[in-house]
């Protein structure tokens, strides 16, 4: 089994990020954590591509990810009216 990337985050950061994702896209905490986990390979690939982002789990990640997810959700599901905006 793969290690849980969320375990790399300090507990307070994990809770804050999970709450921000829940609010941004109107999902429950378990779903938010599943989505956050799934972003690790994508975020690391962007970092390897010349530093397009800072490290997964860093301050930029925690601020930007909820906004990125909110944007994706609003474009993919405009009928939801921008939940969390």
PDB file of N, CA and C in Angstrom:
ATOM      1  N   UNK A   1       0.841  -1.182   0.000  1.00  0.00           N
ATOM      2  CA  UNK A   1       0.000   0.000   0.000  1.00  0.00           C
ATOM      3  C   UNK A   1       0.887   1.246   0.000  1.00  0.00           C
ATOM      4  N   UNK A   2       0.475   2.243  -0.759  1.00  0.00           N
ATOM      5  CA  UNK A   2       1.221   3.497  -0.833  1.00  0.00           C
ATOM      6  C   UNK A   2       1.049   4.287   0.462  1.00  0.00           C
ATOM      7  N   UNK A   3       2.089   5.033   0.847  1.00  0.00           N
ATOM      8  CA  UNK A   3       1.932   5.882   2.034  1.00  0.00           C
ATOM      9  C   UNK A   3       0.908   6.987   1.763  1.00  0.00           C
ATOM     10  N   UNK A   4       0.252   7.423   2.805  1.00  0.00           N
ATOM     11  CA  UNK A   4      -0.765   8.469   2.695  1.00  0.00           C
ATOM     12  C   UNK A   4      -0.080   9.824   2.659  1.00  0.00           C
ATOM     13  N   UNK A   5      -0.143  10.554   1.539  1.00  0.00           N
ATOM     14  CA  UNK A   5       0.532  11.852   1.467  1.00  0.00           C
ATOM     15  C   UNK A   5      -0.018  12.865   2.466  1.00  0.00           C
ATOM     16  N   UNK A   6      -1.258  12.686   2.909  1.00  0.00           N
ATOM     17  CA  UNK A   6      -1.811  13.618   3.889  1.00  0.00           C
ATOM     18  C   UNK A   6      -1.103  13.514   5.234  1.00  0.00           C
ATOM     19  N   UNK A   7      -0.471  12.382   5.492  1.00  0.00           N
ATOM     20  CA  UNK A   7       0.271  12.228   6.744  1.00  0.00           C
ATOM     21  C   UNK A   7       1.503  13.120   6.774  1.00  0.00           C
ATOM     22  N   UNK A   8       1.935  13.616   5.615  1.00  0.00           N
ATOM     23  CA  UNK A   8       3.081  14.530   5.550  1.00  0.00           C
ATOM     24  C   UNK A   8       2.720  15.944   5.997  1.00  0.00           C
ATOM     25  N   UNK A   9       1.438  16.249   6.033  1.00  0.00           N
ATOM     26  CA  UNK A   9       1.001  17.587   6.436  1.00  0.00           C
ATOM     27  C   UNK A   9       0.854  17.661   7.953  1.00  0.00           C
ATOM     28  N   UNK A  10       1.223  18.789   8.543  1.00  0.00           N
ATOM     29  CA  UNK A  10       0.936  18.972   9.968  1.00  0.00           C
ATOM     30  C   UNK A  10      -0.577  18.879  10.190  1.00  0.00           C
ATOM     31  N   UNK A  11      -1.013  18.346  11.327  1.00  0.00           N
ATOM     32  CA  UNK A  11      -2.457  18.171  11.566  1.00  0.00           C
ATOM     33  C   UNK A  11      -3.286  19.437  11.354  1.00  0.00           C
ATOM     34  N   UNK A  12      -2.792  20.578  11.797  1.00  0.00           N
ATOM     35  CA  UNK A  12      -3.558  21.821  11.623  1.00  0.00           C
ATOM     36  C   UNK A  12      -3.685  22.183  10.146  1.00  0.00           C
ATOM     37  N   UNK A  13      -2.612  21.990   9.377  1.00  0.00           N
ATOM     38  CA  UNK A  13      -2.654  22.287   7.937  1.00  0.00           C
ATOM     39  C   UNK A  13      -3.597  21.335   7.220  1.00  0.00           C
ATOM     40  N   UNK A  14      -3.550  20.067   7.601  1.00  0.00           N
ATOM     41  CA  UNK A  14      -4.434  19.069   6.992  1.00  0.00           C
ATOM     42  C   UNK A  14      -5.894  19.439   7.244  1.00  0.00           C
ATOM     43  N   UNK A  15      -6.216  19.801   8.475  1.00  0.00           N
ATOM     44  CA  UNK A  15      -7.594  20.164   8.815  1.00  0.00           C
ATOM     45  C   UNK A  15      -8.033  21.422   8.069  1.00  0.00           C
ATOM     46  N   UNK A  16      -7.145  22.411   7.997  1.00  0.00           N
ATOM     47  CA  UNK A  16      -7.475  23.663   7.305  1.00  0.00           C
ATOM     48  C   UNK A  16      -7.685  23.426   5.812  1.00  0.00           C
ATOM     49  N   UNK A  17      -6.791  22.650   5.203  1.00  0.00           N
ATOM     50  CA  UNK A  17      -6.908  22.367   3.775  1.00  0.00           C
ATOM     51  C   UNK A  17      -8.171  21.564   3.483  1.00  0.00           C
ATOM     52  N   UNK A  18      -8.438  20.560   4.300  1.00  0.00           N
ATOM     53  CA  UNK A  18      -9.645  19.751   4.110  1.00  0.00           C
ATOM     54  C   UNK A  18     -10.892  20.621   4.208  1.00  0.00           C
ATOM     55  N   UNK A  19     -10.948  21.485   5.200  1.00  0.00           N
ATOM     56  CA  UNK A  19     -12.102  22.380   5.355  1.00  0.00           C
ATOM     57  C   UNK A  19     -12.233  23.327   4.169  1.00  0.00           C
ATOM     58  N   UNK A  20     -11.113  23.825   3.668  1.00  0.00           N
ATOM     59  CA  UNK A  20     -11.147  24.743   2.524  1.00  0.00           C
ATOM     60  C   UNK A  20     -11.656  24.044   1.272  1.00  0.00           C
ATOM     61  N   UNK A  21     -11.231  22.800   1.058  1.00  0.00           N
ATOM     62  CA  UNK A  21     -11.708  22.049  -0.105  1.00  0.00           C
ATOM     63  C   UNK A  21     -13.197  21.741   0.053  1.00  0.00           C
ATOM     64  N   UNK A  22     -13.618  21.354   1.256  1.00  0.00           N
ATOM     65  CA  UNK A  22     -15.049  21.110   1.510  1.00  0.00           C
ATOM     66  C   UNK A  22     -15.874  22.338   1.150  1.00  0.00           C
ATOM     67  N   UNK A  23     -15.427  23.492   1.591  1.00  0.00           N
ATOM     68  CA  UNK A  23     -16.159  24.734   1.336  1.00  0.00           C
ATOM     69  C   UNK A  23     -16.119  25.131  -0.134  1.00  0.00           C
ATOM     70  N   UNK A  24     -14.986  24.903  -0.786  1.00  0.00           N
ATOM     71  CA  UNK A  24     -14.822  25.339  -2.175  1.00  0.00           C
ATOM     72  C   UNK A  24     -15.697  24.562  -3.140  1.00  0.00           C
ATOM     73  N   UNK A  25     -15.855  23.259  -2.890  1.00  0.00           N
ATOM     74  CA  UNK A  25     -16.590  22.446  -3.861  1.00  0.00           C
ATOM     75  C   UNK A  25     -17.736  21.652  -3.241  1.00  0.00           C
ATOM     76  N   UNK A  26     -18.091  21.982  -2.006  1.00  0.00           N
ATOM     77  CA  UNK A  26     -19.256  21.394  -1.341  1.00  0.00           C
ATOM     78  C   UNK A  26     -19.217  19.868  -1.317  1.00  0.00           C
ATOM     79  N   UNK A  27     -18.150  19.332  -0.718  1.00  0.00           N
ATOM     80  CA  UNK A  27     -18.023  17.889  -0.533  1.00  0.00           C
ATOM     81  C   UNK A  27     -17.793  17.603   0.947  1.00  0.00           C
ATOM     82  N   UNK A  28     -17.970  16.336   1.328  1.00  0.00           N
ATOM     83  CA  UNK A  28     -17.737  15.949   2.711  1.00  0.00           C
ATOM     84  C   UNK A  28     -16.231  15.787   2.952  1.00  0.00           C
ATOM     85  N   UNK A  29     -15.793  15.767   4.208  1.00  0.00           N
ATOM     86  CA  UNK A  29     -14.357  15.689   4.508  1.00  0.00           C
ATOM     87  C   UNK A  29     -13.648  14.468   3.920  1.00  0.00           C
ATOM     88  N   UNK A  30     -14.287  13.307   3.919  1.00  0.00           N
ATOM     89  CA  UNK A  30     -13.638  12.115   3.360  1.00  0.00           C
ATOM     90  C   UNK A  30     -13.390  12.283   1.861  1.00  0.00           C
ATOM     91  N   UNK A  31     -14.357  12.854   1.162  1.00  0.00           N
ATOM     92  CA  UNK A  31     -14.194  13.104  -0.273  1.00  0.00           C
ATOM     93  C   UNK A  31     -13.122  14.154  -0.510  1.00  0.00           C
ATOM     94  N   UNK A  32     -13.121  15.198   0.304  1.00  0.00           N
ATOM     95  CA  UNK A  32     -12.094  16.238   0.174  1.00  0.00           C
ATOM     96  C   UNK A  32     -10.705  15.640   0.345  1.00  0.00           C
ATOM     97  N   UNK A  33     -10.520  14.798   1.356  1.00  0.00           N
ATOM     98  CA  UNK A  33      -9.209  14.186   1.574  1.00  0.00           C
ATOM     99  C   UNK A  33      -8.824  13.274   0.420  1.00  0.00           C
ATOM    100  N   UNK A  34      -9.783  12.554  -0.152  1.00  0.00           N
ATOM    101  CA  UNK A  34      -9.506  11.705  -1.308  1.00  0.00           C
ATOM    102  C   UNK A  34      -9.038  12.552  -2.488  1.00  0.00           C
ATOM    103  N   UNK A  35      -9.697  13.667  -2.726  1.00  0.00           N
ATOM    104  CA  UNK A  35      -9.310  14.569  -3.816  1.00  0.00           C
ATOM    105  C   UNK A  35      -7.929  15.160  -3.551  1.00  0.00           C
ATOM    106  N   UNK A  36      -7.680  15.598  -2.327  1.00  0.00           N
ATOM    107  CA  UNK A  36      -6.372  16.171  -1.985  1.00  0.00           C
ATOM    108  C   UNK A  36      -5.266  15.153  -2.234  1.00  0.00           C
ATOM    109  N   UNK A  37      -5.476  13.918  -1.791  1.00  0.00           N
ATOM    110  CA  UNK A  37      -4.472  12.862  -2.020  1.00  0.00           C
ATOM    111  C   UNK A  37      -4.178  12.699  -3.513  1.00  0.00           C
ATOM    112  N   UNK A  38      -5.216  12.747  -4.316  1.00  0.00           N
ATOM    113  CA  UNK A  38      -5.055  12.495  -5.752  1.00  0.00           C
ATOM    114  C   UNK A  38      -4.292  13.598  -6.464  1.00  0.00           C
ATOM    115  N   UNK A  39      -4.168  14.760  -5.846  1.00  0.00           N
ATOM    116  CA  UNK A  39      -3.463  15.867  -6.496  1.00  0.00           C
ATOM    117  C   UNK A  39      -1.949  15.770  -6.373  1.00  0.00           C
ATOM    118  N   UNK A  40      -1.458  14.904  -5.488  1.00  0.00           N
ATOM    119  CA  UNK A  40      -0.010  14.853  -5.260  1.00  0.00           C
ATOM    120  C   UNK A  40       0.786  14.584  -6.543  1.00  0.00           C
ATOM    121  N   UNK A  41       0.481  13.551  -7.345  1.00  0.00           N
ATOM    122  CA  UNK A  41       1.282  13.321  -8.560  1.00  0.00           C
ATOM    123  C   UNK A  41       1.214  14.487  -9.550  1.00  0.00           C
ATOM    124  N   UNK A  42       0.035  15.066  -9.723  1.00  0.00           N
ATOM    125  CA  UNK A  42      -0.134  16.202 -10.627  1.00  0.00           C
ATOM    126  C   UNK A  42       0.710  17.383 -10.164  1.00  0.00           C
ATOM    127  N   UNK A  43       0.633  17.703  -8.875  1.00  0.00           N
ATOM    128  CA  UNK A  43       1.358  18.853  -8.332  1.00  0.00           C
ATOM    129  C   UNK A  43       2.863  18.632  -8.448  1.00  0.00           C
ATOM    130  N   UNK A  44       3.320  17.417  -8.163  1.00  0.00           N
ATOM    131  CA  UNK A  44       4.752  17.128  -8.254  1.00  0.00           C
ATOM    132  C   UNK A  44       5.239  17.203  -9.696  1.00  0.00           C
ATOM    133  N   UNK A  45       4.415  16.776 -10.657  1.00  0.00           N
ATOM    134  CA  UNK A  45       4.789  16.894 -12.066  1.00  0.00           C
ATOM    135  C   UNK A  45       4.922  18.360 -12.466  1.00  0.00           C
ATOM    136  N   UNK A  46       4.035  19.210 -11.956  1.00  0.00           N
ATOM    137  CA  UNK A  46       4.134  20.642 -12.250  1.00  0.00           C
ATOM    138  C   UNK A  46       5.399  21.235 -11.631  1.00  0.00           C
ATOM    139  N   UNK A  47       5.764  20.757 -10.468  1.00  0.00           N
ATOM    140  CA  UNK A  47       6.995  21.236  -9.836  1.00  0.00           C
ATOM    141  C   UNK A  47       8.218  20.813 -10.657  1.00  0.00           C
ATOM    142  N   UNK A  48       8.225  19.574 -11.140  1.00  0.00           N
ATOM    143  CA  UNK A  48       9.349  19.077 -11.947  1.00  0.00           C
ATOM    144  C   UNK A  48       9.447  19.791 -13.290  1.00  0.00           C
ATOM    145  N   UNK A  49       8.348  20.337 -13.763  1.00  0.00           N
ATOM    146  CA  UNK A  49       8.315  20.998 -15.066  1.00  0.00           C
ATOM    147  C   UNK A  49       8.869  22.413 -15.005  1.00  0.00           C
ATOM    148  N   UNK A  50       9.780  22.640 -14.126  1.00  0.00           N
ATOM    149  CA  UNK A  50      10.429  23.940 -14.065  1.00  0.00           C
ATOM    150  C   UNK A  50       9.914  24.832 -12.958  1.00  0.00           C
ATOM    151  N   UNK A  51       9.373  24.228 -11.928  1.00  0.00           N
ATOM    152  CA  UNK A  51       8.940  25.026 -10.790  1.00  0.00           C
ATOM    153  C   UNK A  51       7.669  25.811 -11.030  1.00  0.00           C
ATOM    154  N   UNK A  52       6.731  25.238 -11.772  1.00  0.00           N
ATOM    155  CA  UNK A  52       5.462  25.930 -12.022  1.00  0.00           C
ATOM    156  C   UNK A  52       4.694  26.187 -10.728  1.00  0.00           C
ATOM    157  N   UNK A  53       4.946  25.359  -9.722  1.00  0.00           N
ATOM    158  CA  UNK A  53       4.319  25.496  -8.403  1.00  0.00           C
ATOM    159  C   UNK A  53       5.353  25.160  -7.341  1.00  0.00           C
ATOM    160  N   UNK A  54       5.032  25.489  -6.086  1.00  0.00           N
ATOM    161  CA  UNK A  54       5.916  25.057  -5.005  1.00  0.00           C
ATOM    162  C   UNK A  54       5.579  23.609  -4.652  1.00  0.00           C
ATOM    163  N   UNK A  55       6.174  23.090  -3.629  1.00  0.00           N
ATOM    164  CA  UNK A  55       6.013  21.683  -3.291  1.00  0.00           C
ATOM    165  C   UNK A  55       4.589  21.344  -2.871  1.00  0.00           C
ATOM    166  N   UNK A  56       4.220  20.083  -3.120  1.00  0.00           N
ATOM    167  CA  UNK A  56       2.924  19.581  -2.683  1.00  0.00           C
ATOM    168  C   UNK A  56       2.856  19.720  -1.168  1.00  0.00           C
ATOM    169  N   UNK A  57       1.766  20.259  -0.684  1.00  0.00           N
ATOM    170  CA  UNK A  57       1.576  20.426   0.748  1.00  0.00           C
ATOM    171  C   UNK A  57       2.147  21.711   1.306  1.00  0.00           C
ATOM    172  N   UNK A  58       2.865  22.472   0.487  1.00  0.00           N
ATOM    173  CA  UNK A  58       3.427  23.740   0.945  1.00  0.00           C
ATOM    174  C   UNK A  58       2.353  24.810   1.058  1.00  0.00           C
ATOM    175  N   UNK A  59       2.764  25.974   1.512  1.00  0.00           N
ATOM    176  CA  UNK A  59       1.818  27.067   1.719  1.00  0.00           C
ATOM    177  C   UNK A  59       1.068  27.459   0.462  1.00  0.00           C
ATOM    178  N   UNK A  60       1.785  27.529  -0.662  1.00  0.00           N
ATOM    179  CA  UNK A  60       1.121  27.873  -1.925  1.00  0.00           C
ATOM    180  C   UNK A  60       0.081  26.817  -2.267  1.00  0.00           C
ATOM    181  N   UNK A  61       0.448  25.560  -2.118  1.00  0.00           N
ATOM    182  CA  UNK A  61      -0.465  24.457  -2.413  1.00  0.00           C
ATOM    183  C   UNK A  61      -1.754  24.599  -1.610  1.00  0.00           C
ATOM    184  N   UNK A  62      -1.608  24.839  -0.318  1.00  0.00           N
ATOM    185  CA  UNK A  62      -2.772  24.919   0.569  1.00  0.00           C
ATOM    186  C   UNK A  62      -3.677  26.099   0.240  1.00  0.00           C
ATOM    187  N   UNK A  63      -3.115  27.164  -0.315  1.00  0.00           N
ATOM    188  CA  UNK A  63      -3.914  28.329  -0.697  1.00  0.00           C
ATOM    189  C   UNK A  63      -4.509  28.184  -2.094  1.00  0.00           C
ATOM    190  N   UNK A  64      -3.747  27.592  -2.998  1.00  0.00           N
ATOM    191  CA  UNK A  64      -4.155  27.535  -4.403  1.00  0.00           C
ATOM    192  C   UNK A  64      -5.096  26.371  -4.700  1.00  0.00           C
ATOM    193  N   UNK A  65      -4.860  25.211  -4.099  1.00  0.00           N
ATOM    194  CA  UNK A  65      -5.654  24.032  -4.454  1.00  0.00           C
ATOM    195  C   UNK A  65      -7.162  24.252  -4.324  1.00  0.00           C
ATOM    196  N   UNK A  66      -7.681  24.780  -3.227  1.00  0.00           N
ATOM    197  CA  UNK A  66      -9.134  24.981  -3.166  1.00  0.00           C
ATOM    198  C   UNK A  66      -9.652  25.885  -4.289  1.00  0.00           C
ATOM    199  N   UNK A  67      -8.879  26.885  -4.665  1.00  0.00           N
ATOM    200  CA  UNK A  67      -9.289  27.783  -5.748  1.00  0.00           C
ATOM    201  C   UNK A  67      -9.274  27.067  -7.093  1.00  0.00           C
ATOM    202  N   UNK A  68      -8.258  26.228  -7.315  1.00  0.00           N
ATOM    203  CA  UNK A  68      -8.177  25.450  -8.555  1.00  0.00           C
ATOM    204  C   UNK A  68      -9.378  24.510  -8.651  1.00  0.00           C
ATOM    205  N   UNK A  69      -9.675  23.819  -7.562  1.00  0.00           N
ATOM    206  CA  UNK A  69     -10.805  22.889  -7.567  1.00  0.00           C
ATOM    207  C   UNK A  69     -12.128  23.619  -7.781  1.00  0.00           C
ATOM    208  N   UNK A  70     -12.270  24.778  -7.176  1.00  0.00           N
ATOM    209  CA  UNK A  70     -13.480  25.572  -7.353  1.00  0.00           C
ATOM    210  C   UNK A  70     -13.643  25.990  -8.812  1.00  0.00           C
ATOM    211  N   UNK A  71     -12.539  26.384  -9.435  1.00  0.00           N
ATOM    212  CA  UNK A  71     -12.588  26.769 -10.847  1.00  0.00           C
ATOM    213  C   UNK A  71     -12.996  25.570 -11.710  1.00  0.00           C
ATOM    214  N   UNK A  72     -12.361  24.432 -11.481  1.00  0.00           N
ATOM    215  CA  UNK A  72     -12.689  23.231 -12.258  1.00  0.00           C
ATOM    216  C   UNK A  72     -14.168  22.889 -12.097  1.00  0.00           C
ATOM    217  N   UNK A  73     -14.637  22.910 -10.866  1.00  0.00           N
ATOM    218  CA  UNK A  73     -16.033  22.580 -10.596  1.00  0.00           C
ATOM    219  C   UNK A  73     -16.977  23.561 -11.279  1.00  0.00           C
ATOM    220  N   UNK A  74     -16.652  24.845 -11.259  1.00  0.00           N
ATOM    221  CA  UNK A  74     -17.541  25.844 -11.865  1.00  0.00           C
ATOM    222  C   UNK A  74     -17.587  25.731 -13.385  1.00  0.00           C
ATOM    223  N   UNK A  75     -16.488  25.342 -13.998  1.00  0.00           N
ATOM    224  CA  UNK A  75     -16.455  25.179 -15.453  1.00  0.00           C
ATOM    225  C   UNK A  75     -17.108  23.861 -15.861  1.00  0.00           C
ATOM    226  N   UNK A  76     -16.828  22.804 -15.104  1.00  0.00           N
ATOM    227  CA  UNK A  76     -17.370  21.491 -15.443  1.00  0.00           C
ATOM    228  C   UNK A  76     -18.861  21.377 -15.109  1.00  0.00           C
ATOM    229  N   UNK A  77     -19.307  22.130 -14.116  1.00  0.00           N
ATOM    230  CA  UNK A  77     -20.696  22.041 -13.654  1.00  0.00           C
ATOM    231  C   UNK A  77     -21.291  23.428 -13.428  1.00  0.00           C
ATOM    232  N   UNK A  78     -21.421  24.226 -14.470  1.00  0.00           N
ATOM    233  CA  UNK A  78     -21.910  25.598 -14.278  1.00  0.00           C
ATOM    234  C   UNK A  78     -23.320  25.651 -13.687  1.00  0.00           C
ATOM    235  N   UNK A  79     -24.100  24.599 -13.881  1.00  0.00           N
ATOM    236  CA  UNK A  79     -25.462  24.598 -13.345  1.00  0.00           C
ATOM    237  C   UNK A  79     -25.494  24.579 -11.820  1.00  0.00           C
ATOM    238  N   UNK A  80     -24.380  24.228 -11.185  1.00  0.00           N
ATOM    239  CA  UNK A  80     -24.331  24.233  -9.715  1.00  0.00           C
ATOM    240  C   UNK A  80     -24.180  25.649  -9.179  1.00  0.00           C
ATOM    241  N   UNK A  81     -23.876  26.588 -10.045  1.00  0.00           N
ATOM    242  CA  UNK A  81     -23.834  27.983  -9.640  1.00  0.00           C
ATOM    243  C   UNK A  81     -22.618  28.383  -8.837  1.00  0.00           C
ATOM    244  N   UNK A  82     -21.509  27.696  -9.040  1.00  0.00           N
ATOM    245  CA  UNK A  82     -20.286  28.104  -8.356  1.00  0.00           C
ATOM    246  C   UNK A  82     -20.328  27.871  -6.861  1.00  0.00           C
ATOM    247  N   UNK A  83     -20.698  26.671  -6.444  1.00  0.00           N
ATOM    248  CA  UNK A  83     -20.733  26.321  -5.025  1.00  0.00           C
ATOM    249  C   UNK A  83     -19.428  26.717  -4.367  1.00  0.00           C
ATOM    250  N   UNK A  84     -19.512  27.353  -3.225  1.00  0.00           N
ATOM    251  CA  UNK A  84     -18.330  27.725  -2.473  1.00  0.00           C
ATOM    252  C   UNK A  84     -17.697  29.030  -2.892  1.00  0.00           C
ATOM    253  N   UNK A  85     -18.255  29.717  -3.860  1.00  0.00           N
ATOM    254  CA  UNK A  85     -17.659  30.979  -4.328  1.00  0.00           C
ATOM    255  C   UNK A  85     -18.158  32.124  -3.506  1.00  0.00           C
TER     256      UNK A  85
END
